C-alpha atoms as a PDB file:
ATOM      1  CA  MET A   1      38.564  -3.164  -2.418  1.00  0.00           C
ATOM      2  CA  GLU A   2      38.263   0.489  -3.418  1.00  0.00           C
ATOM      3  CA  GLU A   3      40.010   1.647  -0.229  1.00  0.00           C
ATOM      4  CA  LEU A   4      43.148  -0.388  -1.078  1.00  0.00           C
ATOM      5  CA  PHE A   5      43.235  -0.331  -4.882  1.00  0.00           C
ATOM      6  CA  LYS A   6      42.397   2.023  -7.692  1.00  0.00           C
ATOM      7  CA  ARG A   7      41.095   0.923 -11.046  1.00  0.00           C
ATOM      8  CA  ILE A   8      43.426   1.604 -13.941  1.00  0.00           C
ATOM      9  CA  HIS A   9      43.316   0.990 -17.665  1.00  0.00           C
ATOM     10  CA  THR A  10      45.481  -1.885 -18.840  1.00  0.00           C
ATOM     11  CA  GLU A  11      47.423   0.465 -21.117  1.00  0.00           C
ATOM     12  CA  ASP A  12      48.432   2.440 -18.009  1.00  0.00           C
ATOM     13  CA  ILE A  13      50.287  -0.500 -16.441  1.00  0.00           C
ATOM     14  CA  GLN A  14      53.864   0.731 -16.188  1.00  0.00           C
ATOM     15  CA  GLU A  15      55.686  -2.465 -15.240  1.00  0.00           C
ATOM     16  CA  ASN A  16      57.499  -4.672 -17.736  1.00  0.00           C
ATOM     17  CA  VAL A  17      55.355  -7.777 -18.300  1.00  0.00           C
ATOM     18  CA  PHE A  18      58.441  -9.960 -18.871  1.00  0.00           C
ATOM     19  CA  LYS A  19      59.784  -8.993 -15.450  1.00  0.00           C
ATOM     20  CA  LEU A  20      56.402  -9.208 -13.733  1.00  0.00           C
ATOM     21  CA  ILE A  21      55.711 -12.741 -14.946  1.00  0.00           C
ATOM     22  CA  GLY A  22      59.137 -14.283 -15.485  1.00  0.00           C
ATOM     23  CA  THR A  23      61.161 -12.780 -12.639  1.00  0.00           C
ATOM     24  CA  ASP A  24      58.756 -11.427 -10.023  1.00  0.00           C
ATOM     25  CA  TRP A  25      56.196 -14.224 -10.639  1.00  0.00           C
ATOM     26  CA  MET A  26      52.430 -14.041 -10.529  1.00  0.00           C
ATOM     27  CA  LEU A  27      49.864 -15.568  -8.224  1.00  0.00           C
ATOM     28  CA  ILE A  28      46.922 -17.103 -10.096  1.00  0.00           C
ATOM     29  CA  ALA A  29      43.762 -17.425  -7.986  1.00  0.00           C
ATOM     30  CA  ALA A  30      40.489 -19.154  -8.791  1.00  0.00           C
ATOM     31  CA  GLY A  31      37.436 -20.113  -6.806  1.00  0.00           C
ATOM     32  CA  MET A  32      34.801 -18.499  -4.662  1.00  0.00           C
ATOM     33  CA  PRO A  33      35.313 -16.287  -1.584  1.00  0.00           C
ATOM     34  CA  ASP A  34      34.605 -19.226   0.743  1.00  0.00           C
ATOM     35  CA  HIS A  35      36.707 -21.721  -1.239  1.00  0.00           C
ATOM     36  CA  TYR A  36      39.586 -20.707  -3.472  1.00  0.00           C
ATOM     37  CA  ASN A  37      43.158 -21.650  -4.193  1.00  0.00           C
ATOM     38  CA  MET A  38      46.140 -19.939  -5.675  1.00  0.00           C
ATOM     39  CA  MET A  39      49.377 -20.991  -7.291  1.00  0.00           C
ATOM     40  CA  THR A  40      52.532 -19.180  -8.254  1.00  0.00           C
ATOM     41  CA  ALA A  41      53.499 -19.160 -11.908  1.00  0.00           C
ATOM     42  CA  SER A  42      56.352 -17.782 -13.967  1.00  0.00           C
ATOM     43  CA  TRP A  43      55.003 -18.862 -17.341  1.00  0.00           C
ATOM     44  CA  GLY A  44      52.501 -16.666 -19.100  1.00  0.00           C
ATOM     45  CA  THR A  45      52.047 -13.716 -21.340  1.00  0.00           C
ATOM     46  CA  ALA A  46      49.920 -10.611 -21.740  1.00  0.00           C
ATOM     47  CA  GLY A  47      48.874  -8.536 -24.703  1.00  0.00           C
ATOM     48  CA  ILE A  48      46.042  -7.916 -27.113  1.00  0.00           C
ATOM     49  CA  LEU A  49      44.111 -10.767 -28.702  1.00  0.00           C
ATOM     50  CA  TRP A  50      40.759 -10.566 -30.482  1.00  0.00           C
ATOM     51  CA  SER A  51      40.813  -6.789 -29.814  1.00  0.00           C
ATOM     52  CA  LYS A  52      40.826  -7.446 -26.058  1.00  0.00           C
ATOM     53  CA  PRO A  53      43.497  -7.029 -23.376  1.00  0.00           C
ATOM     54  CA  VAL A  54      44.352 -10.560 -22.263  1.00  0.00           C
ATOM     55  CA  ILE A  55      46.614 -12.591 -20.063  1.00  0.00           C
ATOM     56  CA  ILE A  56      47.436 -16.209 -20.836  1.00  0.00           C
ATOM     57  CA  THR A  57      48.217 -18.539 -17.950  1.00  0.00           C
ATOM     58  CA  PHE A  58      49.446 -22.136 -18.028  1.00  0.00           C
ATOM     59  CA  ILE A  59      48.416 -24.736 -15.451  1.00  0.00           C
ATOM     60  CA  ARG A  60      49.258 -28.446 -15.295  1.00  0.00           C
ATOM     61  CA  PRO A  61      46.274 -30.778 -14.788  1.00  0.00           C
ATOM     62  CA  GLN A  62      47.508 -32.153 -11.452  1.00  0.00           C
ATOM     63  CA  ARG A  63      47.483 -28.709  -9.822  1.00  0.00           C
ATOM     64  CA  TYR A  64      44.628 -28.039  -7.405  1.00  0.00           C
ATOM     65  CA  THR A  65      44.122 -24.599  -8.949  1.00  0.00           C
ATOM     66  CA  TYR A  66      43.377 -26.366 -12.251  1.00  0.00           C
ATOM     67  CA  GLU A  67      40.228 -27.904 -10.726  1.00  0.00           C
ATOM     68  CA  LEU A  68      38.981 -24.502  -9.618  1.00  0.00           C
ATOM     69  CA  MET A  69      39.885 -22.819 -12.919  1.00  0.00           C
ATOM     70  CA  GLU A  70      37.768 -25.424 -14.688  1.00  0.00           C
ATOM     71  CA  LYS A  71      34.722 -24.568 -12.567  1.00  0.00           C
ATOM     72  CA  GLN A  72      34.892 -20.773 -12.584  1.00  0.00           C
ATOM     73  CA  ALA A  73      34.348 -18.143 -15.254  1.00  0.00           C
ATOM     74  CA  PHE A  74      36.691 -15.640 -13.566  1.00  0.00           C
ATOM     75  CA  PHE A  75      40.185 -15.731 -12.120  1.00  0.00           C
ATOM     76  CA  SER A  76      42.795 -13.233 -10.998  1.00  0.00           C
ATOM     77  CA  VAL A  77      46.480 -12.744 -11.509  1.00  0.00           C
ATOM     78  CA  SER A  78      48.280 -10.787  -8.785  1.00  0.00           C
ATOM     79  CA  PHE A  79      51.776  -9.330  -8.690  1.00  0.00           C
ATOM     80  CA  PHE A  80      53.727  -8.592  -5.512  1.00  0.00           C
ATOM     81  CA  GLY A  81      56.898  -6.891  -4.342  1.00  0.00           C
ATOM     82  CA  LYS A  82      60.135  -8.678  -3.474  1.00  0.00           C
ATOM     83  CA  GLU A  83      59.144  -8.832   0.190  1.00  0.00           C
ATOM     84  CA  HIS A  84      56.552 -11.492  -0.711  1.00  0.00           C
ATOM     85  CA  LYS A  85      58.895 -13.849  -2.589  1.00  0.00           C
ATOM     86  CA  ASP A  86      58.829 -16.421   0.258  1.00  0.00           C
ATOM     87  CA  LEU A  87      55.016 -16.517   0.171  1.00  0.00           C
ATOM     88  CA  LEU A  88      55.070 -16.919  -3.599  1.00  0.00           C
ATOM     89  CA  THR A  89      57.598 -19.738  -3.253  1.00  0.00           C
ATOM     90  CA  LEU A  90      55.319 -21.488  -0.743  1.00  0.00           C
ATOM     91  CA  CYS A  91      52.268 -21.090  -3.021  1.00  0.00           C
ATOM     92  CA  GLY A  92      54.256 -22.482  -5.937  1.00  0.00           C
ATOM     93  CA  THR A  93      55.733 -25.507  -4.188  1.00  0.00           C
ATOM     94  CA  THR A  94      52.875 -26.659  -1.950  1.00  0.00           C
ATOM     95  CA  SER A  95      49.550 -27.996  -3.165  1.00  0.00           C
ATOM     96  CA  GLY A  96      46.273 -26.604  -1.914  1.00  0.00           C
ATOM     97  CA  ARG A  97      45.349 -30.236  -1.283  1.00  0.00           C
ATOM     98  CA  ASP A  98      48.113 -30.416   1.359  1.00  0.00           C
ATOM     99  CA  LEU A  99      47.896 -26.903   2.823  1.00  0.00           C
ATOM    100  CA  ASN A 100      44.927 -24.622   3.307  1.00  0.00           C
ATOM    101  CA  LYS A 101      46.382 -21.695   1.399  1.00  0.00           C
ATOM    102  CA  MET A 102      43.390 -19.559   2.397  1.00  0.00           C
ATOM    103  CA  GLY A 103      44.959 -19.428   5.866  1.00  0.00           C
ATOM    104  CA  ILE A 104      48.538 -18.473   4.962  1.00  0.00           C
ATOM    105  CA  ASP A 105      49.882 -15.740   7.251  1.00  0.00           C
ATOM    106  CA  GLY A 106      50.777 -12.596   5.351  1.00  0.00           C
ATOM    107  CA  LEU A 107      48.349 -13.222   2.507  1.00  0.00           C
ATOM    108  CA  SER A 108      44.888 -11.680   2.898  1.00  0.00           C
ATOM    109  CA  SER A 109      42.180 -12.231   0.327  1.00  0.00           C
ATOM    110  CA  VAL A 110      40.062  -9.424  -1.023  1.00  0.00           C
ATOM    111  CA  GLU A 111      36.972  -9.780  -3.165  1.00  0.00           C
ATOM    112  CA  THR A 112      36.390  -7.583  -6.181  1.00  0.00           C
ATOM    113  CA  PRO A 113      32.920  -6.172  -6.849  1.00  0.00           C
ATOM    114  CA  ASN A 114      32.618  -8.959  -9.431  1.00  0.00           C
ATOM    115  CA  GLY A 115      33.339 -11.659  -6.816  1.00  0.00           C
ATOM    116  CA  THR A 116      36.860 -12.502  -7.988  1.00  0.00           C
ATOM    117  CA  ILE A 117      39.492 -13.221  -5.315  1.00  0.00           C
ATOM    118  CA  GLY A 118      42.639 -11.107  -5.152  1.00  0.00           C
ATOM    119  CA  PHE A 119      45.081 -10.201  -2.404  1.00  0.00           C
ATOM    120  CA  LYS A 120      45.468  -7.061  -0.295  1.00  0.00           C
ATOM    121  CA  GLU A 121      49.261  -7.368  -0.355  1.00  0.00           C
ATOM    122  CA  ALA A 122      49.471  -7.295  -4.168  1.00  0.00           C
ATOM    123  CA  ASN A 123      50.798  -4.245  -5.976  1.00  0.00           C
ATOM    124  CA  LEU A 124      48.810  -5.039  -9.107  1.00  0.00           C
ATOM    125  CA  MET A 125      45.881  -7.365  -9.706  1.00  0.00           C
ATOM    126  CA  LEU A 126      44.308  -8.304 -13.012  1.00  0.00           C
ATOM    127  CA  GLU A 127      40.753  -9.584 -12.865  1.00  0.00           C
ATOM    128  CA  CYS A 128      40.089 -11.888 -15.804  1.00  0.00           C
ATOM    129  CA  ARG A 129      37.187 -13.620 -17.502  1.00  0.00           C
ATOM    130  CA  LYS A 130      38.036 -16.899 -19.206  1.00  0.00           C
ATOM    131  CA  ILE A 131      37.394 -16.570 -22.924  1.00  0.00           C
ATOM    132  CA  TYR A 132      39.303 -19.586 -24.276  1.00  0.00           C
ATOM    133  CA  PHE A 133      41.325 -22.586 -23.173  1.00  0.00           C
ATOM    134  CA  ASP A 134      43.188 -25.429 -24.799  1.00  0.00           C
ATOM    135  CA  ASP A 135      45.836 -28.023 -23.976  1.00  0.00           C
ATOM    136  CA  ILE A 136      49.441 -27.986 -25.102  1.00  0.00           C
ATOM    137  CA  LYS A 137      49.762 -30.597 -27.827  1.00  0.00           C
ATOM    138  CA  PRO A 138      53.226 -32.144 -28.181  1.00  0.00           C
ATOM    139  CA  GLU A 139      52.683 -32.994 -31.841  1.00  0.00           C
ATOM    140  CA  PHE A 140      52.831 -29.263 -32.571  1.00  0.00           C
ATOM    141  CA  PHE A 141      56.215 -28.618 -30.911  1.00  0.00           C
ATOM    142  CA  GLN A 142      58.586 -27.133 -33.468  1.00  0.00           C
ATOM    143  CA  VAL A 143      61.544 -27.107 -31.076  1.00  0.00           C
ATOM    144  CA  PHE A 144      61.782 -30.660 -29.878  1.00  0.00           C
ATOM    145  CA  ASP A 145      63.818 -30.113 -26.712  1.00  0.00           C
ATOM    146  CA  ILE A 146      60.638 -28.621 -25.181  1.00  0.00           C
ATOM    147  CA  GLU A 147      59.375 -32.183 -24.757  1.00  0.00           C
ATOM    148  CA  LYS A 148      61.955 -32.772 -21.992  1.00  0.00           C
ATOM    149  CA  ILE A 149      59.985 -30.342 -19.783  1.00  0.00           C
ATOM    150  CA  TYR A 150      57.204 -32.952 -19.785  1.00  0.00           C
ATOM    151  CA  PRO A 151      58.712 -36.302 -18.741  1.00  0.00           C
ATOM    152  CA  ALA A 152      55.333 -37.279 -17.212  1.00  0.00           C
ATOM    153  CA  LYS A 153      53.427 -36.118 -20.331  1.00  0.00           C
ATOM    154  CA  ASP A 154      51.433 -33.739 -18.086  1.00  0.00           C
ATOM    155  CA  TYR A 155      51.023 -30.977 -20.643  1.00  0.00           C
ATOM    156  CA  HIS A 156      49.748 -27.627 -19.456  1.00  0.00           C
ATOM    157  CA  ARG A 157      46.317 -26.290 -20.209  1.00  0.00           C
ATOM    158  CA  PHE A 158      46.407 -22.652 -21.151  1.00  0.00           C
ATOM    159  CA  TYR A 159      43.671 -20.211 -20.292  1.00  0.00           C
ATOM    160  CA  ILE A 160      43.174 -16.962 -22.126  1.00  0.00           C
ATOM    161  CA  GLY A 161      41.590 -14.458 -19.805  1.00  0.00           C
ATOM    162  CA  GLU A 162      40.178 -11.146 -20.924  1.00  0.00           C
ATOM    163  CA  ILE A 163      41.378  -8.551 -18.430  1.00  0.00           C
ATOM    164  CA  ILE A 164      38.095  -6.995 -17.349  1.00  0.00           C
ATOM    165  CA  GLN A 165      39.647  -4.876 -14.622  1.00  0.00           C
ATOM    166  CA  ALA A 166      43.130  -3.838 -13.563  1.00  0.00           C
ATOM    167  CA  TRP A 167      43.650  -2.839  -9.949  1.00  0.00           C
ATOM    168  CA  GLU A 168      46.735  -0.980  -8.728  1.00  0.00           C
ATOM    169  CA  LYS A 169      47.628  -0.608  -5.040  1.00  0.00           C
ATOM    170  CA  LYS A 170      46.971   2.913  -3.788  1.00  0.00           C
ATOM    171  CA  PRO A 171      49.976   4.667  -2.308  1.00  0.00           C
ATOM    172  CA  ILE A 172      50.101   4.583   1.481  1.00  0.00           C
ATOM    173  CA  ALA A 173      49.278   8.052   2.784  1.00  0.00           C
END
């Protein structure tokens, strides 16, 4: 891990979080080194909550990654360059129940010292500890056209993860 990435403080992250999450997308990974899954997401946020740097991810209950997020205390969020957009598309459109994502060519897992799974090809990885979760509740929507996003009533669960470590890819020498 240390040969590929350097630890940085969250306040030293230079990239725009709106672009990272909404345009470039993020890869959420959960599980153990011998059994994990990941999914691409473009919904989320990052900031400070309860005096901690956090990232908030949203996962629908039918996603395979949801099962693993429920079982684990830690997860990662990884960000990649444009050259990995096809891999991110695959991870966002194919279930881990139908494809062994651990074997995808061009995506190599790396384990942090804490045992969290990330990816060697990522430019930035945030290692997170779950500190809170809840389900989206439609009765609290204030803008009612949001409901149309959920025709199957499969409301996301959101996970608030304290960012315990930020890892930035080291420049290639």
